Amino acid sequence: MSDCIFCKIIAGDIPAKKLYEDDEVMAFWDIAPQAPVHFLVIPKKHLAAPVDVEEVDDRVIGKLIRIGAQLAKENGVGDGFRVIFNNGKKAGQEVFHIHMHILGGRERPWPL
């Protein structure tokens, strides 16, 4: 998608502080962190939101969770982190390319 900021990051057109990348998935630090550890994990395939995930996408979405947990451990929050997917503007989704937030490094209360 030519107007998707995450697709531009994947293409290398916009820089990001990457944590992980392979043929299907990329992870990078959030530019406006809401916790001491806050990064995003995204599929390289453009899917606008969680409601757009189809059965064919099951494996890559599972991979997002596995990679997110692995990176949480590697960044010192494996014993307690929050996983968030937003779906739609009403839920606070700002970038319409499915992405998983991993937040950790402090105990609740968390921001909404």
N, C-alpha and C. Protein backbone atom coordinates (compact mmCIF):
# COMPACT_ATOMS: atom_id res chain seq x y z
N MET A 1 0.86 -1.18 0.00
CA MET A 1 0.00 0.00 0.00
C MET A 1 0.90 1.23 0.00
N SER A 2 0.77 2.05 -1.01
CA SER A 2 1.67 3.18 -1.19
C SER A 2 1.53 4.25 -0.12
N ASP A 3 0.38 4.36 0.53
CA ASP A 3 0.18 5.39 1.54
C ASP A 3 0.32 4.87 2.97
N CYS A 4 0.69 3.61 3.16
CA CYS A 4 0.80 3.01 4.49
C CYS A 4 2.19 3.24 5.06
N ILE A 5 2.26 3.89 6.21
CA ILE A 5 3.55 4.20 6.83
C ILE A 5 4.33 2.92 7.17
N PHE A 6 3.64 1.86 7.61
CA PHE A 6 4.35 0.63 7.95
C PHE A 6 4.86 -0.07 6.70
N CYS A 7 4.11 0.00 5.61
CA CYS A 7 4.60 -0.56 4.35
C CYS A 7 5.84 0.19 3.88
N LYS A 8 5.88 1.50 4.14
CA LYS A 8 7.05 2.30 3.79
C LYS A 8 8.25 1.93 4.66
N ILE A 9 8.00 1.62 5.93
CA ILE A 9 9.07 1.16 6.81
C ILE A 9 9.61 -0.18 6.30
N ILE A 10 8.70 -1.09 5.97
CA ILE A 10 9.10 -2.40 5.44
C ILE A 10 9.95 -2.24 4.19
N ALA A 11 9.55 -1.33 3.30
CA ALA A 11 10.27 -1.10 2.05
C ALA A 11 11.60 -0.37 2.25
N GLY A 12 11.82 0.18 3.44
CA GLY A 12 13.05 0.92 3.71
C GLY A 12 12.97 2.38 3.33
N ASP A 13 11.78 2.85 2.98
CA ASP A 13 11.60 4.25 2.60
C ASP A 13 11.54 5.18 3.81
N ILE A 14 11.16 4.64 4.96
CA ILE A 14 11.11 5.39 6.22
C ILE A 14 11.97 4.61 7.21
N PRO A 15 12.88 5.28 7.91
CA PRO A 15 13.72 4.55 8.86
C PRO A 15 12.96 4.14 10.12
N ALA A 16 13.41 3.06 10.72
CA ALA A 16 12.86 2.60 11.99
C ALA A 16 13.99 1.94 12.76
N LYS A 17 13.90 1.97 14.06
CA LYS A 17 14.89 1.32 14.91
C LYS A 17 14.44 -0.14 15.08
N LYS A 18 14.95 -0.98 14.19
CA LYS A 18 14.49 -2.38 14.11
C LYS A 18 15.05 -3.24 15.23
N LEU A 19 14.19 -4.16 15.68
CA LEU A 19 14.58 -5.19 16.65
C LEU A 19 14.71 -6.54 15.97
N TYR A 20 13.93 -6.75 14.91
CA TYR A 20 13.87 -8.06 14.28
C TYR A 20 13.33 -7.89 12.86
N GLU A 21 13.82 -8.75 11.97
CA GLU A 21 13.24 -8.77 10.62
C GLU A 21 13.56 -10.10 9.97
N ASP A 22 12.55 -10.67 9.31
CA ASP A 22 12.73 -11.83 8.44
C ASP A 22 11.84 -11.62 7.22
N ASP A 23 11.57 -12.67 6.47
CA ASP A 23 10.78 -12.53 5.24
C ASP A 23 9.31 -12.20 5.48
N GLU A 24 8.80 -12.47 6.69
CA GLU A 24 7.37 -12.30 6.96
C GLU A 24 7.03 -11.25 8.01
N VAL A 25 7.97 -10.97 8.90
CA VAL A 25 7.68 -10.19 10.10
C VAL A 25 8.78 -9.16 10.35
N MET A 26 8.38 -8.04 10.91
CA MET A 26 9.34 -7.02 11.33
C MET A 26 8.92 -6.50 12.70
N ALA A 27 9.91 -6.16 13.53
CA ALA A 27 9.64 -5.54 14.83
C ALA A 27 10.53 -4.32 14.96
N PHE A 28 9.97 -3.27 15.55
CA PHE A 28 10.73 -2.03 15.73
C PHE A 28 10.18 -1.27 16.93
N TRP A 29 11.01 -0.41 17.49
CA TRP A 29 10.63 0.39 18.65
C TRP A 29 9.55 1.40 18.29
N ASP A 30 8.60 1.58 19.17
CA ASP A 30 7.54 2.58 18.97
C ASP A 30 8.14 3.98 19.08
N ILE A 31 7.73 4.88 18.21
CA ILE A 31 8.29 6.24 18.24
C ILE A 31 7.67 7.12 19.33
N ALA A 32 6.57 6.67 19.93
CA ALA A 32 5.94 7.40 21.03
C ALA A 32 5.63 6.39 22.15
N PRO A 33 6.67 5.88 22.81
CA PRO A 33 6.48 4.79 23.78
C PRO A 33 5.57 5.16 24.95
N GLN A 34 4.76 4.19 25.33
CA GLN A 34 3.83 4.34 26.45
C GLN A 34 4.29 3.55 27.66
N ALA A 35 5.47 2.94 27.58
CA ALA A 35 6.05 2.17 28.67
C ALA A 35 7.56 2.14 28.45
N PRO A 36 8.34 1.79 29.47
CA PRO A 36 9.79 1.73 29.29
C PRO A 36 10.23 0.82 28.13
N VAL A 37 9.52 -0.26 27.91
CA VAL A 37 9.75 -1.12 26.74
C VAL A 37 8.46 -1.08 25.93
N HIS A 38 8.54 -0.59 24.70
CA HIS A 38 7.35 -0.51 23.84
C HIS A 38 7.80 -0.65 22.40
N PHE A 39 7.47 -1.79 21.83
CA PHE A 39 7.80 -2.01 20.43
C PHE A 39 6.60 -2.60 19.70
N LEU A 40 6.67 -2.57 18.38
CA LEU A 40 5.61 -3.09 17.52
C LEU A 40 6.13 -4.28 16.75
N VAL A 41 5.25 -5.23 16.51
CA VAL A 41 5.55 -6.38 15.66
C VAL A 41 4.50 -6.38 14.57
N ILE A 42 4.94 -6.41 13.30
CA ILE A 42 4.01 -6.31 12.18
C ILE A 42 4.29 -7.41 11.15
N PRO A 43 3.26 -7.83 10.44
CA PRO A 43 3.52 -8.71 9.30
C PRO A 43 3.95 -7.84 8.12
N LYS A 44 4.75 -8.40 7.25
CA LYS A 44 5.13 -7.66 6.05
C LYS A 44 3.97 -7.62 5.05
N LYS A 45 3.11 -8.59 5.12
CA LYS A 45 1.89 -8.56 4.29
C LYS A 45 0.98 -7.47 4.83
N HIS A 46 0.48 -6.64 3.96
CA HIS A 46 -0.42 -5.58 4.40
C HIS A 46 -1.80 -6.16 4.73
N LEU A 47 -2.16 -6.04 5.99
CA LEU A 47 -3.50 -6.34 6.48
C LEU A 47 -3.91 -5.10 7.26
N ALA A 48 -5.02 -4.51 6.94
CA ALA A 48 -5.38 -3.22 7.54
C ALA A 48 -5.67 -3.30 9.04
N ALA A 49 -6.31 -4.37 9.49
CA ALA A 49 -6.74 -4.45 10.89
C ALA A 49 -7.00 -5.92 11.26
N PRO A 50 -7.13 -6.19 12.55
CA PRO A 50 -7.41 -7.57 12.96
C PRO A 50 -8.64 -8.18 12.28
N VAL A 51 -9.63 -7.38 11.97
CA VAL A 51 -10.82 -7.94 11.31
C VAL A 51 -10.54 -8.38 9.88
N ASP A 52 -9.40 -8.01 9.34
CA ASP A 52 -9.04 -8.40 7.98
C ASP A 52 -8.23 -9.69 7.92
N VAL A 53 -7.91 -10.26 9.08
CA VAL A 53 -7.15 -11.51 9.13
C VAL A 53 -8.04 -12.65 8.66
N GLU A 54 -7.52 -13.44 7.73
CA GLU A 54 -8.24 -14.60 7.22
C GLU A 54 -7.48 -15.86 7.59
N GLU A 55 -8.07 -17.01 7.36
CA GLU A 55 -7.46 -18.27 7.73
C GLU A 55 -6.05 -18.41 7.14
N VAL A 56 -5.84 -17.94 5.94
CA VAL A 56 -4.54 -18.02 5.29
C VAL A 56 -3.47 -17.25 6.08
N ASP A 57 -3.87 -16.33 6.94
CA ASP A 57 -2.96 -15.50 7.72
C ASP A 57 -2.67 -16.05 9.12
N ASP A 58 -3.30 -17.17 9.47
CA ASP A 58 -3.17 -17.71 10.82
C ASP A 58 -1.71 -17.91 11.23
N ARG A 59 -0.91 -18.49 10.34
CA ARG A 59 0.47 -18.80 10.70
C ARG A 59 1.28 -17.54 10.98
N VAL A 60 1.15 -16.53 10.15
CA VAL A 60 1.94 -15.32 10.36
C VAL A 60 1.48 -14.56 11.60
N ILE A 61 0.20 -14.60 11.92
CA ILE A 61 -0.28 -13.93 13.14
C ILE A 61 0.24 -14.67 14.37
N GLY A 62 0.27 -15.98 14.32
CA GLY A 62 0.89 -16.75 15.40
C GLY A 62 2.37 -16.41 15.53
N LYS A 63 3.02 -16.22 14.41
CA LYS A 63 4.44 -15.86 14.42
C LYS A 63 4.64 -14.50 15.08
N LEU A 64 3.72 -13.56 14.84
CA LEU A 64 3.82 -12.24 15.49
C LEU A 64 3.88 -12.41 17.00
N ILE A 65 3.01 -13.26 17.53
CA ILE A 65 2.95 -13.46 18.98
C ILE A 65 4.23 -14.12 19.48
N ARG A 66 4.70 -15.13 18.77
CA ARG A 66 5.92 -15.83 19.18
C ARG A 66 7.12 -14.89 19.15
N ILE A 67 7.28 -14.12 18.08
CA ILE A 67 8.40 -13.19 17.97
C ILE A 67 8.29 -12.09 19.03
N GLY A 68 7.07 -11.60 19.25
CA GLY A 68 6.88 -10.58 20.28
C GLY A 68 7.30 -11.07 21.65
N ALA A 69 6.93 -12.30 22.00
CA ALA A 69 7.32 -12.87 23.30
C ALA A 69 8.83 -13.07 23.38
N GLN A 70 9.43 -13.54 22.30
CA GLN A 70 10.88 -13.73 22.25
C GLN A 70 11.61 -12.40 22.47
N LEU A 71 11.15 -11.36 21.78
CA LEU A 71 11.78 -10.05 21.91
C LEU A 71 11.54 -9.44 23.29
N ALA A 72 10.37 -9.71 23.86
CA ALA A 72 10.10 -9.23 25.23
C ALA A 72 11.12 -9.85 26.19
N LYS A 73 11.36 -11.15 26.07
CA LYS A 73 12.37 -11.81 26.91
C LYS A 73 13.74 -11.19 26.69
N GLU A 74 14.11 -11.00 25.43
CA GLU A 74 15.43 -10.45 25.11
C GLU A 74 15.62 -9.02 25.61
N ASN A 75 14.52 -8.31 25.82
CA ASN A 75 14.58 -6.92 26.28
C ASN A 75 14.19 -6.76 27.74
N GLY A 76 14.25 -7.87 28.49
CA GLY A 76 14.12 -7.82 29.94
C GLY A 76 12.73 -7.75 30.52
N VAL A 77 11.70 -7.99 29.71
CA VAL A 77 10.34 -7.92 30.24
C VAL A 77 9.57 -9.23 30.04
N GLY A 78 10.30 -10.32 29.87
CA GLY A 78 9.65 -11.61 29.63
C GLY A 78 8.78 -12.08 30.77
N ASP A 79 8.98 -11.53 31.97
CA ASP A 79 8.17 -11.95 33.11
C ASP A 79 6.89 -11.13 33.28
N GLY A 80 6.68 -10.14 32.40
CA GLY A 80 5.46 -9.35 32.50
C GLY A 80 5.40 -8.28 31.43
N PHE A 81 4.53 -8.49 30.46
CA PHE A 81 4.35 -7.51 29.40
C PHE A 81 2.92 -7.57 28.91
N ARG A 82 2.51 -6.51 28.26
CA ARG A 82 1.16 -6.39 27.73
C ARG A 82 1.21 -6.51 26.22
N VAL A 83 0.23 -7.20 25.65
CA VAL A 83 0.09 -7.38 24.20
C VAL A 83 -1.20 -6.70 23.79
N ILE A 84 -1.11 -5.79 22.81
CA ILE A 84 -2.29 -5.03 22.40
C ILE A 84 -2.40 -5.01 20.87
N PHE A 85 -3.59 -5.33 20.39
CA PHE A 85 -3.98 -5.10 19.00
C PHE A 85 -5.16 -4.14 19.06
N ASN A 86 -5.10 -3.04 18.33
CA ASN A 86 -6.24 -2.14 18.21
C ASN A 86 -6.93 -2.43 16.88
N ASN A 87 -8.25 -2.34 16.88
CA ASN A 87 -9.01 -2.59 15.66
C ASN A 87 -9.96 -1.43 15.40
N GLY A 88 -9.59 -0.58 14.45
CA GLY A 88 -10.45 0.53 14.05
C GLY A 88 -10.19 1.80 14.84
N LYS A 89 -10.64 2.91 14.28
CA LYS A 89 -10.46 4.22 14.90
C LYS A 89 -11.08 4.29 16.29
N LYS A 90 -12.24 3.66 16.47
CA LYS A 90 -12.90 3.71 17.76
C LYS A 90 -12.07 3.05 18.86
N ALA A 91 -11.19 2.15 18.48
CA ALA A 91 -10.32 1.46 19.45
C ALA A 91 -8.95 2.12 19.55
N GLY A 92 -8.73 3.19 18.81
CA GLY A 92 -7.46 3.90 18.88
C GLY A 92 -6.45 3.51 17.81
N GLN A 93 -6.87 2.72 16.83
CA GLN A 93 -5.94 2.37 15.76
C GLN A 93 -5.65 3.61 14.93
N GLU A 94 -4.36 3.94 14.80
CA GLU A 94 -3.95 5.12 14.05
C GLU A 94 -3.31 4.76 12.72
N VAL A 95 -2.62 3.64 12.67
CA VAL A 95 -2.00 3.17 11.44
C VAL A 95 -2.76 1.92 10.99
N PHE A 96 -3.29 1.95 9.79
CA PHE A 96 -4.14 0.86 9.31
C PHE A 96 -3.33 -0.19 8.56
N HIS A 97 -2.42 -0.78 9.32
CA HIS A 97 -1.63 -1.96 8.95
C HIS A 97 -1.55 -2.70 10.29
N ILE A 98 -2.10 -3.90 10.34
CA ILE A 98 -2.17 -4.62 11.61
C ILE A 98 -0.82 -4.60 12.31
N HIS A 99 -0.83 -4.31 13.60
CA HIS A 99 0.39 -4.28 14.39
C HIS A 99 0.09 -4.64 15.83
N MET A 100 1.04 -5.32 16.41
CA MET A 100 0.92 -5.77 17.79
C MET A 100 1.87 -4.94 18.64
N HIS A 101 1.32 -4.29 19.66
CA HIS A 101 2.12 -3.54 20.61
C HIS A 101 2.59 -4.50 21.71
N ILE A 102 3.84 -4.42 22.08
CA ILE A 102 4.36 -5.09 23.28
C ILE A 102 4.82 -3.98 24.21
N LEU A 103 4.23 -3.95 25.41
CA LEU A 103 4.58 -2.93 26.41
C LEU A 103 4.99 -3.62 27.69
N GLY A 104 6.06 -3.16 28.29
CA GLY A 104 6.52 -3.75 29.54
C GLY A 104 7.48 -2.81 30.24
N GLY A 105 7.99 -3.30 31.37
CA GLY A 105 8.98 -2.54 32.11
C GLY A 105 8.43 -1.78 33.30
N ARG A 106 7.16 -1.93 33.55
CA ARG A 106 6.56 -1.36 34.77
C ARG A 106 5.28 -2.12 35.06
N GLU A 107 4.89 -2.07 36.30
CA GLU A 107 3.64 -2.73 36.69
C GLU A 107 2.47 -1.82 36.40
N ARG A 108 1.30 -2.41 36.38
CA ARG A 108 0.10 -1.63 36.16
C ARG A 108 0.02 -0.54 37.21
N PRO A 109 -0.63 0.59 37.03
CA PRO A 109 -1.62 0.81 36.00
C PRO A 109 -1.01 1.17 34.67
N TRP A 110 -1.67 0.73 33.63
CA TRP A 110 -1.26 1.00 32.27
C TRP A 110 -2.14 2.07 31.67
N PRO A 111 -1.65 2.80 30.70
CA PRO A 111 -2.54 3.70 29.97
C PRO A 111 -3.49 2.88 29.11
N LEU A 112 -4.63 3.42 28.82
CA LEU A 112 -5.58 2.73 27.96
C LEU A 112 -5.17 2.79 26.53
